[in-house]
Amino acid sequence: TRGSSEHAERVLALRLQRASAFGTYGDDFGRAAELSEAFGGKVAVSGASARHLFPLVLTDPEAPELARAAALIAVGRSEEAEDDLRTLTETFPGARVPRLLLSAALAARGDHVGADAELVEALSRYRGVSPFVVAEIYFRRGVLWAERAGRPDLGERMYRQGLEHLPGHVSMGVHLAELEFERGETEAALARLDRRLAAGTQDPEPWSKRAEWHPDPGQRAEAAVRADAGYRALVAAHPEAFWDHASEFYSGPGDRAETALDFALRNLAARPTDRALLLVLEAADAAGRPDAACRVARTTSTPRTDAPLLETIRNLGCS
């Protein structure tokens, strides 16, 4: 019925919001997937988008406009969505989602300043009280500056502000720990990871980073086993949604570079973006195949606006 479908849609949104913030993939994300399969319409589309089943969204004639725009951005076709999103933000200036998507579209073509301006505007217009919403915007700003624009100083400021609103946000905590580790603050970075693990997150990423950073070999090995178990389960249940993070783990402390490359190539085929290409290059390099990495770089078209991707291409010596 319409009422039950609307209720399912609200429950799905809340489940996905909590899974995104706290890494409750076995509970909230799994339940969201079940809901999306049990209902049609917007519920099914939202679930497909969350699980990165973007072809289903793009071929669904009843998919909402914003869901279609999000899918276009995710598969590297942001230019097809940008004009419509800009029109929506002008027509409905207080609407948050179109502005967040416009920010993502601008970031995809390298307009980091413009992308951040949209996030700032979204935050300034928000009149609700949910810490999840505020934290999400700060997290997006952090990723934009630290990982795409090559400005970790600005990214760190955004992560810290976001964590003031939602201290338990797992991904934000891990990203901030990465910045701490990169400047030699290993104890602080590990302590930040341990707080996420103590809270019982089902996200394998804190274990992955612990396996990479911990000075004790035994602790590294234990963390690698925990991360491996987590990623195996997630890739088995929702492969498209977790190929990217699993590839990162197996390129590094997971020590299965060929598996990492397989996951990264699958992810790139589904989502030809700068980040997806970067994962392939890292996995190929880890597998001792820099020539293959350069071959993929030469034959794959992405915007090439992300600072880490450009640096990796230079380091590999790809012409």
C-alpha atoms as a PDB file:
ATOM      1  CA  THR A   1       0.000   0.000   0.000  1.00  0.00           C
ATOM      2  CA  ARG A   2       0.976   3.621  -0.399  1.00  0.00           C
ATOM      3  CA  GLY A   3       1.193   4.147   3.348  1.00  0.00           C
ATOM      4  CA  SER A   4       3.399   1.126   3.949  1.00  0.00           C
ATOM      5  CA  SER A   5       5.607   2.104   1.013  1.00  0.00           C
ATOM      6  CA  GLU A   6       6.078   5.615   2.388  1.00  0.00           C
ATOM      7  CA  HIS A   7       6.897   4.174   5.809  1.00  0.00           C
ATOM      8  CA  ALA A   8       9.425   1.792   4.229  1.00  0.00           C
ATOM      9  CA  GLU A   9      10.998   4.719   2.398  1.00  0.00           C
ATOM     10  CA  ARG A  10      11.469   6.636   5.664  1.00  0.00           C
ATOM     11  CA  VAL A  11      12.864   3.582   7.440  1.00  0.00           C
ATOM     12  CA  LEU A  12      15.223   2.903   4.537  1.00  0.00           C
ATOM     13  CA  ALA A  13      16.538   6.481   4.622  1.00  0.00           C
ATOM     14  CA  LEU A  14      17.153   6.323   8.367  1.00  0.00           C
ATOM     15  CA  ARG A  15      18.846   2.933   8.130  1.00  0.00           C
ATOM     16  CA  LEU A  16      21.159   4.151   5.374  1.00  0.00           C
ATOM     17  CA  GLN A  17      21.921   7.341   7.276  1.00  0.00           C
ATOM     18  CA  ARG A  18      22.965   5.382  10.342  1.00  0.00           C
ATOM     19  CA  ALA A  19      24.953   2.851   8.319  1.00  0.00           C
ATOM     20  CA  SER A  20      26.835   5.667   6.587  1.00  0.00           C
ATOM     21  CA  ALA A  21      27.721   7.350   9.865  1.00  0.00           C
ATOM     22  CA  PHE A  22      28.391   4.404  12.155  1.00  0.00           C
ATOM     23  CA  GLY A  23      29.355   1.616   9.760  1.00  0.00           C
ATOM     24  CA  THR A  24      26.444  -0.614  10.805  1.00  0.00           C
ATOM     25  CA  TYR A  25      26.640  -2.552   7.571  1.00  0.00           C
ATOM     26  CA  GLY A  26      25.558  -5.925   8.888  1.00  0.00           C
ATOM     27  CA  ASP A  27      22.518  -4.444  10.627  1.00  0.00           C
ATOM     28  CA  ASP A  28      21.256  -1.221   9.041  1.00  0.00           C
ATOM     29  CA  PHE A  29      22.712  -1.626   5.550  1.00  0.00           C
ATOM     30  CA  GLY A  30      21.593  -5.235   5.339  1.00  0.00           C
ATOM     31  CA  ARG A  31      18.084  -4.356   6.475  1.00  0.00           C
ATOM     32  CA  ALA A  32      17.952  -1.499   3.974  1.00  0.00           C
ATOM     33  CA  ALA A  33      18.850  -3.939   1.199  1.00  0.00           C
ATOM     34  CA  GLU A  34      16.029  -6.256   2.307  1.00  0.00           C
ATOM     35  CA  LEU A  35      13.549  -3.378   2.288  1.00  0.00           C
ATOM     36  CA  SER A  36      14.585  -2.288  -1.183  1.00  0.00           C
ATOM     37  CA  GLU A  37      14.002  -5.786  -2.516  1.00  0.00           C
ATOM     38  CA  ALA A  38      10.620  -6.102  -0.829  1.00  0.00           C
ATOM     39  CA  PHE A  39       9.198  -2.830  -2.183  1.00  0.00           C
ATOM     40  CA  GLY A  40       9.128  -1.190  -5.576  1.00  0.00           C
ATOM     41  CA  GLY A  41       9.138   2.457  -6.576  1.00  0.00           C
ATOM     42  CA  LYS A  42      11.279   4.931  -4.675  1.00  0.00           C
ATOM     43  CA  VAL A  43      12.233   2.351  -2.048  1.00  0.00           C
ATOM     44  CA  ALA A  44      13.752   0.039  -4.653  1.00  0.00           C
ATOM     45  CA  VAL A  45      15.528   2.922  -6.381  1.00  0.00           C
ATOM     46  CA  SER A  46      16.994   4.249  -3.119  1.00  0.00           C
ATOM     47  CA  GLY A  47      18.193   0.789  -2.187  1.00  0.00           C
ATOM     48  CA  ALA A  48      19.741   0.207  -5.596  1.00  0.00           C
ATOM     49  CA  SER A  49      21.559   3.524  -5.396  1.00  0.00           C
ATOM     50  CA  ALA A  50      22.920   2.759  -1.919  1.00  0.00           C
ATOM     51  CA  ARG A  51      24.194  -0.611  -3.125  1.00  0.00           C
ATOM     52  CA  HIS A  52      25.824   1.080  -6.148  1.00  0.00           C
ATOM     53  CA  LEU A  53      23.556  -0.696  -8.623  1.00  0.00           C
ATOM     54  CA  PHE A  54      23.565   2.390 -10.786  1.00  0.00           C
ATOM     55  CA  PRO A  55      22.515   0.781 -14.099  1.00  0.00           C
ATOM     56  CA  LEU A  56      19.244  -0.221 -12.418  1.00  0.00           C
ATOM     57  CA  VAL A  57      18.650   3.385 -11.406  1.00  0.00           C
ATOM     58  CA  LEU A  58      19.545   4.811 -14.810  1.00  0.00           C
ATOM     59  CA  THR A  59      17.335   2.380 -16.716  1.00  0.00           C
ATOM     60  CA  ASP A  60      14.329   2.710 -14.409  1.00  0.00           C
ATOM     61  CA  PRO A  61      11.856   5.046 -16.175  1.00  0.00           C
ATOM     62  CA  GLU A  62      10.222   5.840 -12.839  1.00  0.00           C
ATOM     63  CA  ALA A  63      13.436   6.743 -11.020  1.00  0.00           C
ATOM     64  CA  PRO A  64      13.159  10.162  -9.309  1.00  0.00           C
ATOM     65  CA  GLU A  65      15.117  12.981 -10.913  1.00  0.00           C
ATOM     66  CA  LEU A  66      17.511  13.328  -7.981  1.00  0.00           C
ATOM     67  CA  ALA A  67      18.194   9.580  -7.868  1.00  0.00           C
ATOM     68  CA  ARG A  68      19.048   9.652 -11.553  1.00  0.00           C
ATOM     69  CA  ALA A  69      21.323  12.674 -11.054  1.00  0.00           C
ATOM     70  CA  ALA A  70      23.153  10.933  -8.214  1.00  0.00           C
ATOM     71  CA  ALA A  71      23.664   7.846 -10.381  1.00  0.00           C
ATOM     72  CA  LEU A  72      24.994   9.916 -13.288  1.00  0.00           C
ATOM     73  CA  ILE A  73      27.549  11.557 -10.988  1.00  0.00           C
ATOM     74  CA  ALA A  74      28.546   8.191  -9.524  1.00  0.00           C
ATOM     75  CA  VAL A  75      29.292   6.683 -12.942  1.00  0.00           C
ATOM     76  CA  GLY A  76      31.345   9.628 -14.148  1.00  0.00           C
ATOM     77  CA  ARG A  77      28.651  11.395 -16.187  1.00  0.00           C
ATOM     78  CA  SER A  78      28.174  14.400 -13.931  1.00  0.00           C
ATOM     79  CA  GLU A  79      28.038  16.846 -16.840  1.00  0.00           C
ATOM     80  CA  GLU A  80      24.689  15.310 -17.824  1.00  0.00           C
ATOM     81  CA  ALA A  81      23.211  16.205 -14.443  1.00  0.00           C
ATOM     82  CA  GLU A  82      24.786  19.571 -13.676  1.00  0.00           C
ATOM     83  CA  ASP A  83      22.389  21.881 -15.545  1.00  0.00           C
ATOM     84  CA  ASP A  84      19.289  20.247 -14.079  1.00  0.00           C
ATOM     85  CA  LEU A  85      20.770  20.355 -10.584  1.00  0.00           C
ATOM     86  CA  ARG A  86      21.650  24.013 -10.944  1.00  0.00           C
ATOM     87  CA  THR A  87      18.074  24.731 -12.018  1.00  0.00           C
ATOM     88  CA  LEU A  88      16.744  22.853  -8.985  1.00  0.00           C
ATOM     89  CA  THR A  89      18.957  24.782  -6.562  1.00  0.00           C
ATOM     90  CA  GLU A  90      17.791  28.066  -8.066  1.00  0.00           C
ATOM     91  CA  THR A  91      14.125  27.025  -8.017  1.00  0.00           C
ATOM     92  CA  PHE A  92      14.264  25.492  -4.534  1.00  0.00           C
ATOM     93  CA  PRO A  93      17.172  27.271  -2.818  1.00  0.00           C
ATOM     94  CA  GLY A  94      16.443  25.683   0.557  1.00  0.00           C
ATOM     95  CA  ALA A  95      16.440  22.110  -0.731  1.00  0.00           C
ATOM     96  CA  ARG A  96      19.527  20.327   0.575  1.00  0.00           C
ATOM     97  CA  VAL A  97      19.896  17.250  -1.646  1.00  0.00           C
ATOM     98  CA  PRO A  98      20.068  19.066  -5.020  1.00  0.00           C
ATOM     99  CA  ARG A  99      22.759  21.332  -3.586  1.00  0.00           C
ATOM    100  CA  LEU A 100      24.789  18.383  -2.276  1.00  0.00           C
ATOM    101  CA  LEU A 101      24.560  16.698  -5.652  1.00  0.00           C
ATOM    102  CA  LEU A 102      25.525  19.881  -7.473  1.00  0.00           C
ATOM    103  CA  SER A 103      28.555  20.095  -5.213  1.00  0.00           C
ATOM    104  CA  ALA A 104      29.527  16.551  -6.199  1.00  0.00           C
ATOM    105  CA  ALA A 105      29.107  17.384  -9.892  1.00  0.00           C
ATOM    106  CA  LEU A 106      31.295  20.477  -9.591  1.00  0.00           C
ATOM    107  CA  ALA A 107      33.946  18.546  -7.680  1.00  0.00           C
ATOM    108  CA  ALA A 108      34.004  15.887 -10.397  1.00  0.00           C
ATOM    109  CA  ARG A 109      35.149  18.436 -12.953  1.00  0.00           C
ATOM    110  CA  GLY A 110      37.682  20.025 -10.613  1.00  0.00           C
ATOM    111  CA  ASP A 111      35.787  23.072  -9.406  1.00  0.00           C
ATOM    112  CA  HIS A 112      36.668  22.554  -5.748  1.00  0.00           C
ATOM    113  CA  VAL A 113      35.898  26.124  -4.717  1.00  0.00           C
ATOM    114  CA  GLY A 114      32.480  26.018  -6.352  1.00  0.00           C
ATOM    115  CA  ALA A 115      31.765  22.604  -4.852  1.00  0.00           C
ATOM    116  CA  ASP A 116      32.641  23.793  -1.369  1.00  0.00           C
ATOM    117  CA  ALA A 117      30.507  26.909  -1.789  1.00  0.00           C
ATOM    118  CA  GLU A 118      27.473  24.713  -2.433  1.00  0.00           C
ATOM    119  CA  LEU A 119      28.180  22.711   0.732  1.00  0.00           C
ATOM    120  CA  VAL A 120      28.566  25.895   2.770  1.00  0.00           C
ATOM    121  CA  GLU A 121      25.270  27.151   1.371  1.00  0.00           C
ATOM    122  CA  ALA A 122      23.546  23.855   2.167  1.00  0.00           C
ATOM    123  CA  LEU A 123      24.753  24.074   5.751  1.00  0.00           C
ATOM    124  CA  SER A 124      23.764  27.714   6.154  1.00  0.00           C
ATOM    125  CA  ARG A 125      20.232  26.983   4.921  1.00  0.00           C
ATOM    126  CA  TYR A 126      19.695  23.897   7.073  1.00  0.00           C
ATOM    127  CA  ARG A 127      17.079  24.575   9.733  1.00  0.00           C
ATOM    128  CA  GLY A 128      16.835  21.118  11.250  1.00  0.00           C
ATOM    129  CA  VAL A 129      18.492  19.690  14.351  1.00  0.00           C
ATOM    130  CA  SER A 130      19.894  16.388  13.071  1.00  0.00           C
ATOM    131  CA  PRO A 131      23.621  15.965  13.787  1.00  0.00           C
ATOM    132  CA  PHE A 132      23.730  13.396  10.991  1.00  0.00           C
ATOM    133  CA  VAL A 133      22.949  16.047   8.385  1.00  0.00           C
ATOM    134  CA  VAL A 134      25.492  18.539   9.713  1.00  0.00           C
ATOM    135  CA  ALA A 135      28.179  15.866  10.048  1.00  0.00           C
ATOM    136  CA  GLU A 136      27.550  14.633   6.505  1.00  0.00           C
ATOM    137  CA  ILE A 137      28.133  18.103   5.089  1.00  0.00           C
ATOM    138  CA  TYR A 138      31.361  18.577   7.036  1.00  0.00           C
ATOM    139  CA  PHE A 139      32.499  15.115   5.966  1.00  0.00           C
ATOM    140  CA  ARG A 140      31.902  15.977   2.324  1.00  0.00           C
ATOM    141  CA  ARG A 141      33.864  19.181   2.763  1.00  0.00           C
ATOM    142  CA  GLY A 142      36.689  17.270   4.401  1.00  0.00           C
ATOM    143  CA  VAL A 143      36.930  14.728   1.599  1.00  0.00           C
ATOM    144  CA  LEU A 144      36.713  17.481  -0.999  1.00  0.00           C
ATOM    145  CA  TRP A 145      39.698  19.389   0.383  1.00  0.00           C
ATOM    146  CA  ALA A 146      41.860  16.645   1.853  1.00  0.00           C
ATOM    147  CA  GLU A 147      41.445  13.983  -0.821  1.00  0.00           C
ATOM    148  CA  ARG A 148      40.466  15.746  -4.011  1.00  0.00           C
ATOM    149  CA  ALA A 149      42.015  19.202  -3.847  1.00  0.00           C
ATOM    150  CA  GLY A 150      45.236  18.242  -2.046  1.00  0.00           C
ATOM    151  CA  ARG A 151      44.571  20.531   0.933  1.00  0.00           C
ATOM    152  CA  PRO A 152      44.778  18.277   4.018  1.00  0.00           C
ATOM    153  CA  ASP A 153      44.933  21.320   6.303  1.00  0.00           C
ATOM    154  CA  LEU A 154      41.463  22.420   5.237  1.00  0.00           C
ATOM    155  CA  GLY A 155      40.186  18.855   5.207  1.00  0.00           C
ATOM    156  CA  GLU A 156      41.327  18.268   8.773  1.00  0.00           C
ATOM    157  CA  ARG A 157      39.524  21.380   9.930  1.00  0.00           C
ATOM    158  CA  MET A 158      36.303  20.106   8.360  1.00  0.00           C
ATOM    159  CA  TYR A 159      36.655  16.632   9.877  1.00  0.00           C
ATOM    160  CA  ARG A 160      37.231  18.047  13.345  1.00  0.00           C
ATOM    161  CA  GLN A 161      34.201  20.304  13.076  1.00  0.00           C
ATOM    162  CA  GLY A 162      32.067  17.435  11.854  1.00  0.00           C
ATOM    163  CA  LEU A 163      33.125  15.208  14.733  1.00  0.00           C
ATOM    164  CA  GLU A 164      32.070  17.892  17.186  1.00  0.00           C
ATOM    165  CA  HIS A 165      28.517  17.337  15.931  1.00  0.00           C
ATOM    166  CA  LEU A 166      28.680  13.538  15.627  1.00  0.00           C
ATOM    167  CA  PRO A 167      31.670  12.101  17.544  1.00  0.00           C
ATOM    168  CA  GLY A 168      30.880   8.516  16.575  1.00  0.00           C
ATOM    169  CA  HIS A 169      31.077   9.080  12.804  1.00  0.00           C
ATOM    170  CA  VAL A 170      33.341   6.219  11.739  1.00  0.00           C
ATOM    171  CA  SER A 171      34.516   7.306   8.291  1.00  0.00           C
ATOM    172  CA  MET A 172      35.214  10.846   9.452  1.00  0.00           C
ATOM    173  CA  GLY A 173      37.241   9.493  12.357  1.00  0.00           C
ATOM    174  CA  VAL A 174      39.232   7.198  10.063  1.00  0.00           C
ATOM    175  CA  HIS A 175      39.936   9.983   7.568  1.00  0.00           C
ATOM    176  CA  LEU A 176      41.135  12.256  10.358  1.00  0.00           C
ATOM    177  CA  ALA A 177      43.295   9.438  11.745  1.00  0.00           C
ATOM    178  CA  GLU A 178      44.890   9.077   8.300  1.00  0.00           C
ATOM    179  CA  LEU A 179      45.946  12.717   8.379  1.00  0.00           C
ATOM    180  CA  GLU A 180      47.341  12.292  11.890  1.00  0.00           C
ATOM    181  CA  PHE A 181      49.277   9.189  10.856  1.00  0.00           C
ATOM    182  CA  GLU A 182      50.691  10.898   7.763  1.00  0.00           C
ATOM    183  CA  ARG A 183      52.307  13.574   9.894  1.00  0.00           C
ATOM    184  CA  GLY A 184      53.786  11.041  12.326  1.00  0.00           C
ATOM    185  CA  GLU A 185      51.172  11.074  15.080  1.00  0.00           C
ATOM    186  CA  THR A 186      50.801   7.285  15.138  1.00  0.00           C
ATOM    187  CA  GLU A 187      49.601   6.965  18.745  1.00  0.00           C
ATOM    188  CA  ALA A 188      46.885   9.564  18.245  1.00  0.00           C
ATOM    189  CA  ALA A 189      45.785   7.918  14.990  1.00  0.00           C
ATOM    190  CA  LEU A 190      45.597   4.448  16.568  1.00  0.00           C
ATOM    191  CA  ALA A 191      43.732   5.784  19.590  1.00  0.00           C
ATOM    192  CA  ARG A 192      41.174   7.343  17.259  1.00  0.00           C
ATOM    193  CA  LEU A 193      40.715   4.022  15.460  1.00  0.00           C
ATOM    194  CA  ASP A 194      40.404   2.138  18.733  1.00  0.00           C
ATOM    195  CA  ARG A 195      37.571   4.378  19.863  1.00  0.00           C
ATOM    196  CA  ARG A 196      35.622   3.413  16.757  1.00  0.00           C
ATOM    197  CA  LEU A 197      36.356  -0.277  17.287  1.00  0.00           C
ATOM    198  CA  ALA A 198      35.400  -0.088  20.955  1.00  0.00           C
ATOM    199  CA  ALA A 199      32.018   1.309  19.909  1.00  0.00           C
ATOM    200  CA  GLY A 200      31.410  -1.892  17.950  1.00  0.00           C
ATOM    201  CA  THR A 201      31.408  -0.611  14.389  1.00  0.00           C
ATOM    202  CA  GLN A 202      30.897  -3.227  11.683  1.00  0.00           C
ATOM    203  CA  ASP A 203      32.999  -1.208   9.239  1.00  0.00           C
ATOM    204  CA  PRO A 204      36.234  -3.137   8.448  1.00  0.00           C
ATOM    205  CA  GLU A 205      38.150   0.041   7.580  1.00  0.00           C
ATOM    206  CA  PRO A 206      39.382   0.810  11.130  1.00  0.00           C
ATOM    207  CA  TRP A 207      40.751  -2.736  11.302  1.00  0.00           C
ATOM    208  CA  SER A 208      42.371  -2.246   7.894  1.00  0.00           C
ATOM    209  CA  LYS A 209      44.164   0.901   9.029  1.00  0.00           C
ATOM    210  CA  ARG A 210      45.194  -0.749  12.299  1.00  0.00           C
ATOM    211  CA  ALA A 211      46.692  -3.594  10.270  1.00  0.00           C
ATOM    212  CA  GLU A 212      48.698  -1.041   8.332  1.00  0.00           C
ATOM    213  CA  TRP A 213      49.821   1.277  11.129  1.00  0.00           C
ATOM    214  CA  HIS A 214      50.247  -0.671  14.365  1.00  0.00           C
ATOM    215  CA  PRO A 215      53.908  -1.045  15.410  1.00  0.00           C
ATOM    216  CA  ASP A 216      53.350  -4.530  16.869  1.00  0.00           C
ATOM    217  CA  PRO A 217      53.417  -7.348  14.252  1.00  0.00           C
ATOM    218  CA  GLY A 218      50.991  -9.471  16.229  1.00  0.00           C
ATOM    219  CA  GLN A 219      48.490  -6.633  16.482  1.00  0.00           C
ATOM    220  CA  ARG A 220      48.849  -5.951  12.759  1.00  0.00           C
ATOM    221  CA  ALA A 221      48.215  -9.604  11.915  1.00  0.00           C
ATOM    222  CA  GLU A 222      45.140  -9.798  14.139  1.00  0.00           C
ATOM    223  CA  ALA A 223      43.730  -6.610  12.656  1.00  0.00           C
ATOM    224  CA  ALA A 224      44.334  -7.900   9.126  1.00  0.00           C
ATOM    225  CA  VAL A 225      42.372 -11.067   9.901  1.00  0.00           C
ATOM    226  CA  ARG A 226      39.459  -9.011  11.262  1.00  0.00           C
ATOM    227  CA  ALA A 227      39.477  -6.682   8.257  1.00  0.00           C
ATOM    228  CA  ASP A 228      39.680  -9.596   5.824  1.00  0.00           C
ATOM    229  CA  ALA A 229      36.664 -11.289   7.412  1.00  0.00           C
ATOM    230  CA  GLY A 230      34.708  -8.042   7.267  1.00  0.00           C
ATOM    231  CA  TYR A 231      35.448  -7.305   3.643  1.00  0.00           C
ATOM    232  CA  ARG A 232      34.806 -10.899   2.542  1.00  0.00           C
ATOM    233  CA  ALA A 233      31.339 -10.733   4.075  1.00  0.00           C
ATOM    234  CA  LEU A 234      30.516  -7.323   2.633  1.00  0.00           C
ATOM    235  CA  VAL A 235      31.745  -8.102  -0.880  1.00  0.00           C
ATOM    236  CA  ALA A 236      29.811 -11.371  -0.845  1.00  0.00           C
ATOM    237  CA  ALA A 237      26.595  -9.587   0.163  1.00  0.00           C
ATOM    238  CA  HIS A 238      26.909  -6.265  -1.684  1.00  0.00           C
ATOM    239  CA  PRO A 239      29.837  -6.477  -4.131  1.00  0.00           C
ATOM    240  CA  GLU A 240      29.307  -3.250  -6.075  1.00  0.00           C
ATOM    241  CA  ALA A 241      29.072  -1.190  -2.874  1.00  0.00           C
ATOM    242  CA  PHE A 242      32.331  -2.487  -1.397  1.00  0.00           C
ATOM    243  CA  TRP A 243      34.681  -3.292  -4.271  1.00  0.00           C
ATOM    244  CA  ASP A 244      36.436   0.042  -3.776  1.00  0.00           C
ATOM    245  CA  HIS A 245      37.235  -0.169  -0.047  1.00  0.00           C
ATOM    246  CA  ALA A 246      38.039  -3.873  -0.286  1.00  0.00           C
ATOM    247  CA  SER A 247      40.488  -3.108  -3.089  1.00  0.00           C
ATOM    248  CA  GLU A 248      42.250  -0.565  -0.886  1.00  0.00           C
ATOM    249  CA  PHE A 249      42.655  -3.143   1.874  1.00  0.00           C
ATOM    250  CA  TYR A 250      43.936  -5.943  -0.365  1.00  0.00           C
ATOM    251  CA  SER A 251      46.369  -3.582  -2.102  1.00  0.00           C
ATOM    252  CA  GLY A 252      47.902  -2.880   1.298  1.00  0.00           C
ATOM    253  CA  PRO A 253      47.755  -4.816   4.553  1.00  0.00           C
ATOM    254  CA  GLY A 254      45.422  -7.459   3.088  1.00  0.00           C
ATOM    255  CA  ASP A 255      48.355  -8.513   0.893  1.00  0.00           C
ATOM    256  CA  ARG A 256      46.310  -9.926  -1.983  1.00  0.00           C
ATOM    257  CA  ALA A 257      47.201  -7.541  -4.769  1.00  0.00           C
ATOM    258  CA  GLU A 258      45.655  -9.615  -7.564  1.00  0.00           C
ATOM    259  CA  THR A 259      42.343  -9.691  -5.699  1.00  0.00           C
ATOM    260  CA  ALA A 260      42.662  -5.953  -5.168  1.00  0.00           C
ATOM    261  CA  LEU A 261      43.248  -5.430  -8.877  1.00  0.00           C
ATOM    262  CA  ASP A 262      40.257  -7.600  -9.787  1.00  0.00           C
ATOM    263  CA  PHE A 263      37.976  -5.615  -7.476  1.00  0.00           C
ATOM    264  CA  ALA A 264      39.399  -2.299  -8.681  1.00  0.00           C
ATOM    265  CA  LEU A 265      38.902  -3.179 -12.351  1.00  0.00           C
ATOM    266  CA  ARG A 266      35.311  -4.233 -11.681  1.00  0.00           C
ATOM    267  CA  ASN A 267      34.726  -0.982  -9.837  1.00  0.00           C
ATOM    268  CA  LEU A 268      36.281   1.079 -12.642  1.00  0.00           C
ATOM    269  CA  ALA A 269      34.119  -0.648 -15.248  1.00  0.00           C
ATOM    270  CA  ALA A 270      31.029   0.293 -13.255  1.00  0.00           C
ATOM    271  CA  ARG A 271      32.214   3.767 -12.249  1.00  0.00           C
ATOM    272  CA  PRO A 272      34.840   5.365 -14.527  1.00  0.00           C
ATOM    273  CA  THR A 273      35.803   8.138 -12.117  1.00  0.00           C
ATOM    274  CA  ASP A 274      39.106   9.561 -10.893  1.00  0.00           C
ATOM    275  CA  ARG A 275      38.889   7.664  -7.613  1.00  0.00           C
ATOM    276  CA  ALA A 276      38.109   4.384  -9.377  1.00  0.00           C
ATOM    277  CA  LEU A 277      41.071   4.846 -11.725  1.00  0.00           C
ATOM    278  CA  LEU A 278      43.340   5.651  -8.783  1.00  0.00           C
ATOM    279  CA  LEU A 279      42.395   2.359  -7.095  1.00  0.00           C
ATOM    280  CA  VAL A 280      43.312   0.423 -10.249  1.00  0.00           C
ATOM    281  CA  LEU A 281      46.690   2.146 -10.486  1.00  0.00           C
ATOM    282  CA  GLU A 282      47.446   1.458  -6.824  1.00  0.00           C
ATOM    283  CA  ALA A 283      46.405  -2.182  -7.094  1.00  0.00           C
ATOM    284  CA  ALA A 284      48.384  -2.766 -10.295  1.00  0.00           C
ATOM    285  CA  ASP A 285      51.446  -1.173  -8.744  1.00  0.00           C
ATOM    286  CA  ALA A 286      51.049  -3.309  -5.608  1.00  0.00           C
ATOM    287  CA  ALA A 287      50.860  -6.381  -7.846  1.00  0.00           C
ATOM    288  CA  GLY A 288      54.180  -5.414  -9.417  1.00  0.00           C
ATOM    289  CA  ARG A 289      52.576  -4.457 -12.717  1.00  0.00           C
ATOM    290  CA  PRO A 290      53.332  -0.747 -13.218  1.00  0.00           C
ATOM    291  CA  ASP A 291      53.183  -1.189 -17.010  1.00  0.00           C
ATOM    292  CA  ALA A 292      49.616  -2.455 -16.686  1.00  0.00           C
ATOM    293  CA  ALA A 293      48.822   0.500 -14.453  1.00  0.00           C
ATOM    294  CA  CYS A 294      50.076   2.946 -17.054  1.00  0.00           C
ATOM    295  CA  ARG A 295      48.205   1.111 -19.799  1.00  0.00           C
ATOM    296  CA  VAL A 296      44.949   1.495 -17.876  1.00  0.00           C
ATOM    297  CA  ALA A 297      45.741   5.157 -17.222  1.00  0.00           C
ATOM    298  CA  ARG A 298      46.299   5.801 -20.924  1.00  0.00           C
ATOM    299  CA  THR A 299      43.153   4.002 -22.076  1.00  0.00           C
ATOM    300  CA  THR A 300      40.676   5.160 -19.418  1.00  0.00           C
ATOM    301  CA  SER A 301      39.050   8.555 -19.736  1.00  0.00           C
ATOM    302  CA  THR A 302      38.204  10.344 -16.486  1.00  0.00           C
ATOM    303  CA  PRO A 303      38.258  14.068 -15.642  1.00  0.00           C
ATOM    304  CA  ARG A 304      41.771  13.819 -14.065  1.00  0.00           C
ATOM    305  CA  THR A 305      41.089  16.558 -11.530  1.00  0.00           C
ATOM    306  CA  ASP A 306      41.881  14.726  -8.274  1.00  0.00           C
ATOM    307  CA  ALA A 307      45.269  15.606  -6.806  1.00  0.00           C
ATOM    308  CA  PRO A 308      46.068  12.054  -5.553  1.00  0.00           C
ATOM    309  CA  LEU A 309      45.391  10.582  -8.996  1.00  0.00           C
ATOM    310  CA  LEU A 310      47.631  13.084 -10.754  1.00  0.00           C
ATOM    311  CA  GLU A 311      50.409  12.469  -8.220  1.00  0.00           C
ATOM    312  CA  THR A 312      50.146   8.677  -8.646  1.00  0.00           C
ATOM    313  CA  ILE A 313      50.344   8.964 -12.433  1.00  0.00           C
ATOM    314  CA  ARG A 314      53.465  11.120 -12.089  1.00  0.00           C
ATOM    315  CA  ASN A 315      55.050   8.714  -9.606  1.00  0.00           C
ATOM    316  CA  LEU A 316      54.434   5.759 -11.900  1.00  0.00           C
ATOM    317  CA  GLY A 317      56.070   7.629 -14.747  1.00  0.00           C
ATOM    318  CA  CYS A 318      53.096   7.160 -17.043  1.00  0.00           C
ATOM    319  CA  SER A 319      53.433   9.312 -20.148  1.00  0.00           C
END
